Amino acid sequence: MTAMAALKPKNFVWEAEDRIAKIRLDRPERKNPLTFESYAELRDTFRALAYADDIDAVVFLPNGGNFSSGGDVHDIIGPLVAMDMKQLLAFTRMTGDFVKAMLNCGKPIISAVDGVAVGAGAIIAMASDIRIATPEAKTAFLFTRVGLAGCDMGACAILPRIIGQGRAAELLYTGRTMSATEGERWGFYNRLAEAAALEAEAMELARRIVSGPTFAHGITKTQLNQEWSMGLDQAIEAEAQAQAICMQTRDFERAYRAFVAKEKPVFEGN
């Protein structure tokens, strides 16, 4: 296991508080675009989080009133036009690996969205476990706007599971903006919060999660992802095995003893 609370990344802002990592994409004057370097560093960070024993949840936050404008037009899209197929595939695989790392990091991820969350910014929110937004949030999977398919970084697999096939198809074909009220009504956003309260609400939710049995939360995240491709019999068997593993933890025993003593359990993640 490794310690990551003191991480000092080069391409985004990282803070750790109460075993919760807070991430803000950088360059707020340009609405926090992603670059080749930030994609790679985020991918590597989430890969490492799978082995971190001092971080139990992650919260993506806006910076300067915006979440992220996605891939930078000058730093990414311009250079991509000049690349050959092998280089392009290396890039698209890297961005996909970032999403895989988010899904497989073993930590619940909350995205708190304000302002624009478009392109890869929308994907980060999509790949999170829970999403909160301000009423002003504007979310768009705008890949068709730059002549690309909507099937970017897992969007055609994940987005329909969140909001339904027809709604996802509309957003991915048109690239139009989904308003915050639409996003909440469709289930993309769990709830809306005013901008002044957004970070506090996201952190309160994260603290509630990390106060629970964090080892078991990692199992829950794994099952939520893996059961997409399972039949019902497989899923029920996988959950039986997962729950038997959790029953071997001391947190399970702590909960029982606290119940007997009529106390609130204090979980320690083991």
C-alpha atoms as a PDB file:
ATOM      1  CA  MET A   1       0.000   0.000   0.000  1.00  0.00           C
ATOM      2  CA  THR A   2       1.088   3.578  -0.600  1.00  0.00           C
ATOM      3  CA  ALA A   3       0.443   7.037   0.843  1.00  0.00           C
ATOM      4  CA  MET A   4      -0.946   9.653  -1.542  1.00  0.00           C
ATOM      5  CA  ALA A   5      -2.293  12.457   0.661  1.00  0.00           C
ATOM      6  CA  ALA A   6       0.854  14.509   0.099  1.00  0.00           C
ATOM      7  CA  LEU A   7       0.807  14.076  -3.697  1.00  0.00           C
ATOM      8  CA  LYS A   8       2.051  17.117  -5.615  1.00  0.00           C
ATOM      9  CA  PRO A   9       0.888  16.747  -9.215  1.00  0.00           C
ATOM     10  CA  LYS A  10       2.173  19.010 -11.982  1.00  0.00           C
ATOM     11  CA  ASN A  11      -0.958  19.291 -14.107  1.00  0.00           C
ATOM     12  CA  PHE A  12      -3.898  19.617 -11.708  1.00  0.00           C
ATOM     13  CA  VAL A  13      -4.637  20.801  -8.178  1.00  0.00           C
ATOM     14  CA  TRP A  14      -4.710  18.147  -5.436  1.00  0.00           C
ATOM     15  CA  GLU A  15      -5.649  18.488  -1.780  1.00  0.00           C
ATOM     16  CA  ALA A  16      -6.312  15.797   0.828  1.00  0.00           C
ATOM     17  CA  GLU A  17      -8.675  16.332   3.751  1.00  0.00           C
ATOM     18  CA  ASP A  18     -10.239  13.753   6.087  1.00  0.00           C
ATOM     19  CA  ARG A  19      -9.016  10.881   3.847  1.00  0.00           C
ATOM     20  CA  ILE A  20     -10.730  12.546   0.881  1.00  0.00           C
ATOM     21  CA  ALA A  21      -8.769  13.695  -2.164  1.00  0.00           C
ATOM     22  CA  LYS A  22      -9.983  16.891  -3.809  1.00  0.00           C
ATOM     23  CA  ILE A  23      -9.053  17.380  -7.475  1.00  0.00           C
ATOM     24  CA  ARG A  24      -9.441  20.570  -9.480  1.00  0.00           C
ATOM     25  CA  LEU A  25      -8.388  20.770 -13.089  1.00  0.00           C
ATOM     26  CA  ASP A  26      -6.101  23.731 -13.663  1.00  0.00           C
ATOM     27  CA  ARG A  27      -6.031  26.894 -15.813  1.00  0.00           C
ATOM     28  CA  PRO A  28      -9.363  28.416 -14.763  1.00  0.00           C
ATOM     29  CA  GLU A  29      -8.806  31.343 -17.144  1.00  0.00           C
ATOM     30  CA  ARG A  30      -9.404  28.812 -19.962  1.00  0.00           C
ATOM     31  CA  LYS A  31     -12.133  26.872 -18.165  1.00  0.00           C
ATOM     32  CA  ASN A  32      -9.753  24.103 -17.073  1.00  0.00           C
ATOM     33  CA  PRO A  33      -8.956  22.241 -20.289  1.00  0.00           C
ATOM     34  CA  LEU A  34      -7.196  18.890 -20.408  1.00  0.00           C
ATOM     35  CA  THR A  35      -3.828  18.419 -22.099  1.00  0.00           C
ATOM     36  CA  PHE A  36      -1.775  15.378 -23.092  1.00  0.00           C
ATOM     37  CA  GLU A  37       0.149  15.770 -19.842  1.00  0.00           C
ATOM     38  CA  SER A  38      -2.900  16.138 -17.567  1.00  0.00           C
ATOM     39  CA  TYR A  39      -4.636  13.114 -19.141  1.00  0.00           C
ATOM     40  CA  ALA A  40      -1.555  10.988 -18.487  1.00  0.00           C
ATOM     41  CA  GLU A  41      -1.010  12.279 -14.956  1.00  0.00           C
ATOM     42  CA  LEU A  42      -4.666  11.763 -14.023  1.00  0.00           C
ATOM     43  CA  ARG A  43      -4.554   8.228 -15.436  1.00  0.00           C
ATOM     44  CA  ASP A  44      -1.449   7.418 -13.416  1.00  0.00           C
ATOM     45  CA  THR A  45      -2.893   9.007 -10.277  1.00  0.00           C
ATOM     46  CA  PHE A  46      -6.075   6.936 -10.391  1.00  0.00           C
ATOM     47  CA  ARG A  47      -4.081   3.790 -11.103  1.00  0.00           C
ATOM     48  CA  ALA A  48      -2.032   4.505  -7.978  1.00  0.00           C
ATOM     49  CA  LEU A  49      -5.153   5.246  -5.913  1.00  0.00           C
ATOM     50  CA  ALA A  50      -6.075   1.572  -6.107  1.00  0.00           C
ATOM     51  CA  TYR A  51      -3.148   0.940  -3.734  1.00  0.00           C
ATOM     52  CA  ALA A  52      -3.446   4.057  -1.547  1.00  0.00           C
ATOM     53  CA  ASP A  53      -4.221   3.380   2.102  1.00  0.00           C
ATOM     54  CA  ASP A  54      -4.691   7.024   3.159  1.00  0.00           C
ATOM     55  CA  ILE A  55      -7.372   8.073   0.629  1.00  0.00           C
ATOM     56  CA  ASP A  56     -10.893   6.597   0.780  1.00  0.00           C
ATOM     57  CA  ALA A  57     -12.813   8.835  -1.646  1.00  0.00           C
ATOM     58  CA  VAL A  58     -12.200  11.393  -4.395  1.00  0.00           C
ATOM     59  CA  VAL A  59     -14.095  14.598  -5.131  1.00  0.00           C
ATOM     60  CA  PHE A  60     -13.670  16.418  -8.467  1.00  0.00           C
ATOM     61  CA  LEU A  61     -14.396  20.115  -7.972  1.00  0.00           C
ATOM     62  CA  PRO A  62     -14.769  23.132 -10.266  1.00  0.00           C
ATOM     63  CA  ASN A  63     -12.071  25.762 -10.484  1.00  0.00           C
ATOM     64  CA  GLY A  64     -12.959  29.407 -11.120  1.00  0.00           C
ATOM     65  CA  GLY A  65     -16.637  28.669 -11.725  1.00  0.00           C
ATOM     66  CA  ASN A  66     -16.156  25.909 -14.313  1.00  0.00           C
ATOM     67  CA  PHE A  67     -15.585  22.169 -14.195  1.00  0.00           C
ATOM     68  CA  SER A  68     -13.722  21.521 -17.448  1.00  0.00           C
ATOM     69  CA  SER A  69     -13.860  22.564 -21.090  1.00  0.00           C
ATOM     70  CA  GLY A  70     -12.440  19.187 -22.167  1.00  0.00           C
ATOM     71  CA  GLY A  71      -9.537  18.602 -24.505  1.00  0.00           C
ATOM     72  CA  ASP A  72      -7.682  21.814 -25.258  1.00  0.00           C
ATOM     73  CA  VAL A  73      -8.224  22.982 -28.846  1.00  0.00           C
ATOM     74  CA  HIS A  74      -4.668  24.256 -29.310  1.00  0.00           C
ATOM     75  CA  ASP A  75      -2.759  21.795 -27.104  1.00  0.00           C
ATOM     76  CA  ILE A  76      -4.620  18.626 -28.163  1.00  0.00           C
ATOM     77  CA  ILE A  77      -6.910  18.958 -31.178  1.00  0.00           C
ATOM     78  CA  GLY A  78      -4.396  20.871 -33.285  1.00  0.00           C
ATOM     79  CA  PRO A  79      -1.565  18.336 -32.766  1.00  0.00           C
ATOM     80  CA  LEU A  80      -3.955  15.393 -33.324  1.00  0.00           C
ATOM     81  CA  VAL A  81      -4.707  16.578 -36.862  1.00  0.00           C
ATOM     82  CA  ALA A  82      -1.020  16.098 -37.715  1.00  0.00           C
ATOM     83  CA  MET A  83      -0.664  12.589 -36.211  1.00  0.00           C
ATOM     84  CA  ASP A  84      -0.701   9.247 -38.028  1.00  0.00           C
ATOM     85  CA  MET A  85      -3.051   6.378 -37.127  1.00  0.00           C
ATOM     86  CA  LYS A  86      -0.634   4.691 -34.705  1.00  0.00           C
ATOM     87  CA  GLN A  87      -0.130   7.930 -32.762  1.00  0.00           C
ATOM     88  CA  LEU A  88      -3.850   8.668 -32.745  1.00  0.00           C
ATOM     89  CA  LEU A  89      -4.691   5.219 -31.401  1.00  0.00           C
ATOM     90  CA  ALA A  90      -2.066   5.623 -28.671  1.00  0.00           C
ATOM     91  CA  PHE A  91      -3.791   8.860 -27.632  1.00  0.00           C
ATOM     92  CA  THR A  92      -7.349   7.510 -27.676  1.00  0.00           C
ATOM     93  CA  ARG A  93      -6.247   4.439 -25.723  1.00  0.00           C
ATOM     94  CA  MET A  94      -4.585   6.698 -23.146  1.00  0.00           C
ATOM     95  CA  THR A  95      -7.767   8.726 -22.626  1.00  0.00           C
ATOM     96  CA  GLY A  96      -9.753   5.512 -22.329  1.00  0.00           C
ATOM     97  CA  ASP A  97      -7.226   4.210 -19.809  1.00  0.00           C
ATOM     98  CA  PHE A  98      -7.961   7.278 -17.660  1.00  0.00           C
ATOM     99  CA  VAL A  99     -11.631   6.252 -17.464  1.00  0.00           C
ATOM    100  CA  LYS A 100     -10.642   2.628 -16.767  1.00  0.00           C
ATOM    101  CA  ALA A 101      -8.422   3.851 -13.949  1.00  0.00           C
ATOM    102  CA  MET A 102     -11.335   5.827 -12.462  1.00  0.00           C
ATOM    103  CA  LEU A 103     -13.572   2.760 -12.626  1.00  0.00           C
ATOM    104  CA  ASN A 104     -10.939   0.465 -11.139  1.00  0.00           C
ATOM    105  CA  CYS A 105      -9.408   2.683  -8.445  1.00  0.00           C
ATOM    106  CA  GLY A 106     -11.530   1.121  -5.693  1.00  0.00           C
ATOM    107  CA  LYS A 107     -12.540   4.520  -4.277  1.00  0.00           C
ATOM    108  CA  PRO A 108     -15.950   6.202  -4.625  1.00  0.00           C
ATOM    109  CA  ILE A 109     -15.690   9.298  -6.844  1.00  0.00           C
ATOM    110  CA  ILE A 110     -17.974  12.332  -6.610  1.00  0.00           C
ATOM    111  CA  SER A 111     -18.040  15.029  -9.281  1.00  0.00           C
ATOM    112  CA  ALA A 112     -19.277  18.472  -8.216  1.00  0.00           C
ATOM    113  CA  VAL A 113     -20.037  20.346 -11.434  1.00  0.00           C
ATOM    114  CA  ASP A 114     -20.408  24.076 -11.999  1.00  0.00           C
ATOM    115  CA  GLY A 115     -20.228  26.028 -15.241  1.00  0.00           C
ATOM    116  CA  VAL A 116     -19.118  24.036 -18.259  1.00  0.00           C
ATOM    117  CA  ALA A 117     -18.450  20.305 -18.200  1.00  0.00           C
ATOM    118  CA  VAL A 118     -18.009  19.446 -21.852  1.00  0.00           C
ATOM    119  CA  GLY A 119     -16.147  16.873 -23.898  1.00  0.00           C
ATOM    120  CA  ALA A 120     -13.720  15.044 -21.673  1.00  0.00           C
ATOM    121  CA  GLY A 121     -14.988  17.167 -18.768  1.00  0.00           C
ATOM    122  CA  ALA A 122     -18.420  15.605 -19.227  1.00  0.00           C
ATOM    123  CA  ILE A 123     -16.761  12.196 -19.409  1.00  0.00           C
ATOM    124  CA  ILE A 124     -15.065  12.713 -16.020  1.00  0.00           C
ATOM    125  CA  ALA A 125     -18.452  13.490 -14.484  1.00  0.00           C
ATOM    126  CA  MET A 126     -20.000  10.504 -16.269  1.00  0.00           C
ATOM    127  CA  ALA A 127     -17.295   8.109 -15.039  1.00  0.00           C
ATOM    128  CA  SER A 128     -17.765   9.240 -11.436  1.00  0.00           C
ATOM    129  CA  ASP A 129     -19.978   7.284  -9.062  1.00  0.00           C
ATOM    130  CA  ILE A 130     -22.077  10.254  -7.925  1.00  0.00           C
ATOM    131  CA  ARG A 131     -22.677  13.655  -9.507  1.00  0.00           C
ATOM    132  CA  ILE A 132     -23.888  16.947  -7.992  1.00  0.00           C
ATOM    133  CA  ALA A 133     -24.303  20.123 -10.041  1.00  0.00           C
ATOM    134  CA  THR A 134     -25.263  23.754  -9.726  1.00  0.00           C
ATOM    135  CA  PRO A 135     -28.332  25.009 -11.622  1.00  0.00           C
ATOM    136  CA  GLU A 136     -25.901  26.821 -13.949  1.00  0.00           C
ATOM    137  CA  ALA A 137     -24.011  23.670 -14.965  1.00  0.00           C
ATOM    138  CA  LYS A 138     -23.872  22.974 -18.697  1.00  0.00           C
ATOM    139  CA  THR A 139     -22.923  19.461 -19.760  1.00  0.00           C
ATOM    140  CA  ALA A 140     -22.227  18.444 -23.351  1.00  0.00           C
ATOM    141  CA  PHE A 141     -20.705  15.408 -25.048  1.00  0.00           C
ATOM    142  CA  LEU A 142     -19.714  17.561 -27.993  1.00  0.00           C
ATOM    143  CA  PHE A 143     -17.458  15.183 -29.917  1.00  0.00           C
ATOM    144  CA  THR A 144     -19.617  15.429 -33.060  1.00  0.00           C
ATOM    145  CA  ARG A 145     -18.999  19.185 -33.035  1.00  0.00           C
ATOM    146  CA  VAL A 146     -15.375  18.494 -34.001  1.00  0.00           C
ATOM    147  CA  GLY A 147     -16.234  15.816 -36.564  1.00  0.00           C
ATOM    148  CA  LEU A 148     -15.824  12.809 -34.297  1.00  0.00           C
ATOM    149  CA  ALA A 149     -18.126   9.996 -33.176  1.00  0.00           C
ATOM    150  CA  GLY A 150     -19.959  10.194 -29.879  1.00  0.00           C
ATOM    151  CA  CYS A 151     -18.330   6.939 -28.747  1.00  0.00           C
ATOM    152  CA  ASP A 152     -15.478   8.527 -26.811  1.00  0.00           C
ATOM    153  CA  MET A 153     -13.884   7.243 -23.594  1.00  0.00           C
ATOM    154  CA  GLY A 154     -16.721   4.809 -22.893  1.00  0.00           C
ATOM    155  CA  ALA A 155     -19.612   7.211 -23.500  1.00  0.00           C
ATOM    156  CA  CYS A 156     -21.684   4.767 -25.549  1.00  0.00           C
ATOM    157  CA  ALA A 157     -21.388   2.144 -22.812  1.00  0.00           C
ATOM    158  CA  ILE A 158     -21.732   4.246 -19.665  1.00  0.00           C
ATOM    159  CA  LEU A 159     -24.043   7.146 -20.542  1.00  0.00           C
ATOM    160  CA  PRO A 160     -27.031   4.968 -21.632  1.00  0.00           C
ATOM    161  CA  ARG A 161     -26.807   3.096 -18.344  1.00  0.00           C
ATOM    162  CA  ILE A 162     -27.171   6.379 -16.462  1.00  0.00           C
ATOM    163  CA  ILE A 163     -29.827   8.238 -18.471  1.00  0.00           C
ATOM    164  CA  GLY A 164     -31.240   5.665 -20.913  1.00  0.00           C
ATOM    165  CA  GLN A 165     -30.480   4.745 -24.509  1.00  0.00           C
ATOM    166  CA  GLY A 166     -32.666   7.319 -26.257  1.00  0.00           C
ATOM    167  CA  ARG A 167     -31.521  10.272 -24.186  1.00  0.00           C
ATOM    168  CA  ALA A 168     -27.885   9.238 -24.512  1.00  0.00           C
ATOM    169  CA  ALA A 169     -28.281   8.834 -28.278  1.00  0.00           C
ATOM    170  CA  GLU A 170     -29.700  12.354 -28.580  1.00  0.00           C
ATOM    171  CA  LEU A 171     -26.823  13.910 -26.639  1.00  0.00           C
ATOM    172  CA  LEU A 172     -24.143  11.883 -28.450  1.00  0.00           C
ATOM    173  CA  TYR A 173     -25.542  12.498 -31.962  1.00  0.00           C
ATOM    174  CA  THR A 174     -26.227  16.209 -31.549  1.00  0.00           C
ATOM    175  CA  GLY A 175     -23.540  17.266 -29.082  1.00  0.00           C
ATOM    176  CA  ARG A 176     -26.091  19.633 -27.582  1.00  0.00           C
ATOM    177  CA  THR A 177     -25.906  20.961 -24.036  1.00  0.00           C
ATOM    178  CA  MET A 178     -27.792  19.123 -21.309  1.00  0.00           C
ATOM    179  CA  SER A 179     -29.051  21.631 -18.763  1.00  0.00           C
ATOM    180  CA  ALA A 180     -28.659  20.987 -15.058  1.00  0.00           C
ATOM    181  CA  THR A 181     -32.408  20.518 -14.606  1.00  0.00           C
ATOM    182  CA  GLU A 182     -32.492  17.998 -17.462  1.00  0.00           C
ATOM    183  CA  GLY A 183     -29.479  16.241 -15.972  1.00  0.00           C
ATOM    184  CA  GLU A 184     -31.176  15.924 -12.596  1.00  0.00           C
ATOM    185  CA  ARG A 185     -34.490  14.823 -14.098  1.00  0.00           C
ATOM    186  CA  TRP A 186     -32.763  12.195 -16.227  1.00  0.00           C
ATOM    187  CA  GLY A 187     -30.683  10.831 -13.349  1.00  0.00           C
ATOM    188  CA  PHE A 188     -27.304  12.067 -14.577  1.00  0.00           C
ATOM    189  CA  TYR A 189     -27.097  14.373 -11.569  1.00  0.00           C
ATOM    190  CA  ASN A 190     -28.087  13.006  -8.177  1.00  0.00           C
ATOM    191  CA  ARG A 191     -29.136  16.481  -7.086  1.00  0.00           C
ATOM    192  CA  LEU A 192     -28.544  20.187  -7.611  1.00  0.00           C
ATOM    193  CA  ALA A 193     -26.919  22.623  -5.174  1.00  0.00           C
ATOM    194  CA  GLU A 194     -26.280  26.333  -5.298  1.00  0.00           C
ATOM    195  CA  ALA A 195     -22.729  27.293  -6.259  1.00  0.00           C
ATOM    196  CA  ALA A 196     -21.915  28.651  -2.802  1.00  0.00           C
ATOM    197  CA  ALA A 197     -22.862  25.316  -1.222  1.00  0.00           C
ATOM    198  CA  LEU A 198     -21.598  22.930  -3.916  1.00  0.00           C
ATOM    199  CA  GLU A 199     -18.212  22.014  -2.438  1.00  0.00           C
ATOM    200  CA  ALA A 200     -19.614  21.737   1.089  1.00  0.00           C
ATOM    201  CA  GLU A 201     -22.376  19.374  -0.086  1.00  0.00           C
ATOM    202  CA  ALA A 202     -19.946  17.234  -2.050  1.00  0.00           C
ATOM    203  CA  MET A 203     -17.542  17.030   0.881  1.00  0.00           C
ATOM    204  CA  GLU A 204     -20.342  16.251   3.337  1.00  0.00           C
ATOM    205  CA  LEU A 205     -21.420  13.361   1.131  1.00  0.00           C
ATOM    206  CA  ALA A 206     -17.813  12.175   0.784  1.00  0.00           C
ATOM    207  CA  ARG A 207     -17.336  12.291   4.569  1.00  0.00           C
ATOM    208  CA  ARG A 208     -20.510  10.275   5.046  1.00  0.00           C
ATOM    209  CA  ILE A 209     -19.174   7.664   2.648  1.00  0.00           C
ATOM    210  CA  VAL A 210     -15.698   7.456   4.200  1.00  0.00           C
ATOM    211  CA  SER A 211     -17.203   7.119   7.674  1.00  0.00           C
ATOM    212  CA  GLY A 212     -18.618   3.796   6.515  1.00  0.00           C
ATOM    213  CA  PRO A 213     -16.855   0.475   5.882  1.00  0.00           C
ATOM    214  CA  THR A 214     -14.402   1.623   3.212  1.00  0.00           C
ATOM    215  CA  PHE A 215     -13.104  -1.850   2.331  1.00  0.00           C
ATOM    216  CA  ALA A 216     -16.687  -2.864   1.649  1.00  0.00           C
ATOM    217  CA  HIS A 217     -17.222   0.310  -0.412  1.00  0.00           C
ATOM    218  CA  GLY A 218     -14.400  -0.834  -2.681  1.00  0.00           C
ATOM    219  CA  ILE A 219     -16.201  -4.148  -3.139  1.00  0.00           C
ATOM    220  CA  THR A 220     -19.436  -2.293  -3.939  1.00  0.00           C
ATOM    221  CA  LYS A 221     -17.674  -0.214  -6.606  1.00  0.00           C
ATOM    222  CA  THR A 222     -16.147  -3.330  -8.138  1.00  0.00           C
ATOM    223  CA  GLN A 223     -19.504  -5.082  -8.304  1.00  0.00           C
ATOM    224  CA  LEU A 224     -21.308  -2.047  -9.709  1.00  0.00           C
ATOM    225  CA  ASN A 225     -18.826  -2.032 -12.596  1.00  0.00           C
ATOM    226  CA  GLN A 226     -18.379  -5.764 -13.163  1.00  0.00           C
ATOM    227  CA  GLU A 227     -22.041  -6.710 -13.022  1.00  0.00           C
ATOM    228  CA  TRP A 228     -22.737  -4.692 -16.182  1.00  0.00           C
ATOM    229  CA  SER A 229     -21.479  -7.647 -18.195  1.00  0.00           C
ATOM    230  CA  MET A 230     -22.890 -10.452 -16.030  1.00  0.00           C
ATOM    231  CA  GLY A 231     -26.060 -12.453 -16.294  1.00  0.00           C
ATOM    232  CA  LEU A 232     -28.324 -12.480 -13.249  1.00  0.00           C
ATOM    233  CA  ASP A 233     -27.113 -15.871 -12.002  1.00  0.00           C
ATOM    234  CA  GLN A 234     -23.481 -14.738 -12.327  1.00  0.00           C
ATOM    235  CA  ALA A 235     -24.217 -11.484 -10.540  1.00  0.00           C
ATOM    236  CA  ILE A 236     -25.946 -13.165  -7.609  1.00  0.00           C
ATOM    237  CA  GLU A 237     -23.071 -15.623  -7.225  1.00  0.00           C
ATOM    238  CA  ALA A 238     -20.481 -12.833  -7.478  1.00  0.00           C
ATOM    239  CA  GLU A 239     -22.308 -10.885  -4.782  1.00  0.00           C
ATOM    240  CA  ALA A 240     -22.452 -13.964  -2.558  1.00  0.00           C
ATOM    241  CA  GLN A 241     -18.686 -14.311  -2.802  1.00  0.00           C
ATOM    242  CA  ALA A 242     -18.143 -10.565  -2.329  1.00  0.00           C
ATOM    243  CA  GLN A 243     -20.336 -10.451   0.763  1.00  0.00           C
ATOM    244  CA  ALA A 244     -18.608 -13.509   2.258  1.00  0.00           C
ATOM    245  CA  ILE A 245     -15.298 -11.661   1.874  1.00  0.00           C
ATOM    246  CA  CYS A 246     -16.744  -8.602   3.639  1.00  0.00           C
ATOM    247  CA  MET A 247     -18.039 -10.815   6.448  1.00  0.00           C
ATOM    248  CA  GLN A 248     -14.424 -11.677   7.247  1.00  0.00           C
ATOM    249  CA  THR A 249     -13.542  -8.039   7.943  1.00  0.00           C
ATOM    250  CA  ARG A 250     -13.317  -6.605  11.419  1.00  0.00           C
ATOM    251  CA  ASP A 251     -15.705  -3.841  10.347  1.00  0.00           C
ATOM    252  CA  PHE A 252     -18.466  -6.467  10.124  1.00  0.00           C
ATOM    253  CA  GLU A 253     -17.655  -7.571  13.657  1.00  0.00           C
ATOM    254  CA  ARG A 254     -17.429  -3.943  14.818  1.00  0.00           C
ATOM    255  CA  ALA A 255     -20.921  -3.276  13.471  1.00  0.00           C
ATOM    256  CA  TYR A 256     -22.320  -6.304  15.282  1.00  0.00           C
ATOM    257  CA  ARG A 257     -20.689  -5.427  18.603  1.00  0.00           C
ATOM    258  CA  ALA A 258     -21.840  -1.811  18.321  1.00  0.00           C
ATOM    259  CA  PHE A 259     -25.392  -2.970  17.628  1.00  0.00           C
ATOM    260  CA  VAL A 260     -25.350  -5.238  20.691  1.00  0.00           C
ATOM    261  CA  ALA A 261     -23.990  -2.377  22.813  1.00  0.00           C
ATOM    262  CA  LYS A 262     -26.553   0.040  21.278  1.00  0.00           C
ATOM    263  CA  GLU A 263     -23.705   2.221  20.016  1.00  0.00           C
ATOM    264  CA  LYS A 264     -22.870   3.693  16.629  1.00  0.00           C
ATOM    265  CA  PRO A 265     -20.192   1.606  14.901  1.00  0.00           C
ATOM    266  CA  VAL A 266     -16.819   3.177  14.182  1.00  0.00           C
ATOM    267  CA  PHE A 267     -15.471   1.605  11.008  1.00  0.00           C
ATOM    268  CA  GLU A 268     -11.743   1.361  10.302  1.00  0.00           C
ATOM    269  CA  GLY A 269     -11.719  -0.006   6.774  1.00  0.00           C
ATOM    270  CA  ASN A 270     -10.418  -3.486   7.613  1.00  0.00           C
END
